[in-house]
Amino acid sequence: MSDEQIGHVSAYYSKIGVAAIELTATLSVGEKIKVKGATTDFEIEVTSMQIDHEVVETAAAGASIGLLVPERVRRNDAVFRA
C-alpha cells in the first residue's frame, strides 16, 4: 500500500453500494485504491466514478465523487492510492 492518502469517505449509500469520497489528490479510472478504517480494509480498481451524477474519467483534488464499492464503508474511512 502506498502511504499517499488521497481522500476520505464522507458518506455511504447502502441501498446502491456507493461511497461518497472527498478527494485531496487527483484520481482516474483504472487506478487502484485502498479503503482503510477501523473495520474496513479492502482494495479495488476504480472502474467508474461520478461527480454530480455525471460519469467522469478523472477527478481533481477537492472534488466529491461517487464510487461503487464492493462492501460497506464508514464515514471518515481513509482512501489511499494502492
Protein backbone atom coordinates (compact mmCIF):
# COMPACT_ATOMS: atom_id res chain seq x y z
CA MET A 1 0.00 0.00 0.00
CA SER A 2 1.17 3.50 -0.78
CA ASP A 3 1.39 5.99 2.06
CA GLU A 4 -0.32 8.62 -0.07
CA GLN A 5 -3.77 9.33 1.31
CA ILE A 6 -5.91 10.72 -1.49
CA GLY A 7 -9.16 11.32 0.36
CA HIS A 8 -11.73 10.11 2.86
CA VAL A 9 -15.25 8.71 2.85
CA SER A 10 -17.87 11.37 3.59
CA ALA A 11 -20.96 9.16 3.21
CA TYR A 12 -22.10 5.65 2.27
CA TYR A 13 -25.34 4.78 0.48
CA SER A 14 -26.05 1.16 1.36
CA LYS A 15 -29.04 0.63 -0.98
CA ILE A 16 -26.87 1.29 -4.04
CA GLY A 17 -23.43 0.37 -2.60
CA VAL A 18 -21.88 3.77 -3.34
CA ALA A 19 -19.33 5.70 -1.28
CA ALA A 20 -19.09 9.47 -1.46
CA ILE A 21 -15.39 10.33 -1.30
CA GLU A 22 -13.84 13.75 -0.77
CA LEU A 23 -10.57 13.81 -2.74
CA THR A 24 -7.35 15.53 -1.67
CA ALA A 25 -5.48 14.36 -4.80
CA THR A 26 -6.33 13.55 -8.42
CA LEU A 27 -7.89 10.14 -9.15
CA SER A 28 -8.52 8.50 -12.52
CA VAL A 29 -10.47 5.49 -13.75
CA GLY A 30 -8.15 2.47 -13.93
CA GLU A 31 -6.20 3.31 -10.76
CA LYS A 32 -6.27 1.05 -7.72
CA ILE A 33 -7.29 2.41 -4.33
CA LYS A 34 -7.35 1.03 -0.81
CA VAL A 35 -10.05 1.94 1.69
CA LYS A 36 -8.96 1.56 5.31
CA GLY A 37 -10.77 2.27 8.55
CA ALA A 38 -11.43 0.75 11.97
CA THR A 39 -13.38 -2.17 10.46
CA THR A 40 -12.82 -1.53 6.74
CA ASP A 41 -9.87 -2.83 4.72
CA PHE A 42 -10.10 -3.61 1.01
CA GLU A 43 -8.51 -2.72 -2.32
CA ILE A 44 -10.35 -2.11 -5.59
CA GLU A 45 -9.73 -0.84 -9.10
CA VAL A 46 -11.69 2.28 -9.98
CA THR A 47 -13.86 1.20 -12.92
CA SER A 48 -16.30 4.12 -12.88
CA MET A 49 -16.87 7.29 -10.88
CA GLN A 50 -19.33 10.14 -10.92
CA ILE A 51 -19.43 13.79 -9.96
CA ASP A 52 -22.96 15.18 -9.55
CA HIS A 53 -24.40 12.09 -11.31
CA GLU A 54 -22.18 12.63 -14.38
CA VAL A 55 -19.67 9.89 -15.29
CA VAL A 56 -16.09 11.22 -15.33
CA GLU A 57 -12.70 9.70 -16.21
CA THR A 58 -10.62 11.88 -13.86
CA ALA A 59 -11.44 13.87 -10.73
CA ALA A 60 -9.22 16.59 -9.28
CA ALA A 61 -8.33 17.33 -5.66
CA GLY A 62 -11.25 18.98 -3.90
CA ALA A 63 -13.87 17.02 -5.85
CA SER A 64 -16.55 14.91 -4.20
CA ILE A 65 -17.00 11.69 -6.17
CA GLY A 66 -19.43 8.78 -6.08
CA LEU A 67 -17.74 5.40 -6.30
CA LEU A 68 -19.27 1.93 -6.42
CA VAL A 69 -17.72 -0.17 -3.64
CA PRO A 70 -17.96 -3.95 -3.01
CA GLU A 71 -18.61 -3.68 0.73
CA ARG A 72 -19.75 -1.28 3.40
CA VAL A 73 -17.53 1.71 4.16
CA ARG A 74 -17.84 4.16 7.01
CA ARG A 75 -17.65 7.93 7.32
CA ASN A 76 -14.03 9.11 7.64
CA ASP A 77 -12.50 5.85 6.36
CA ALA A 78 -9.21 6.81 4.68
CA VAL A 79 -8.68 6.31 0.93
CA PHE A 80 -5.14 5.59 -0.30
CA ARG A 81 -3.59 5.11 -3.72
CA ALA A 82 -2.71 1.40 -3.90
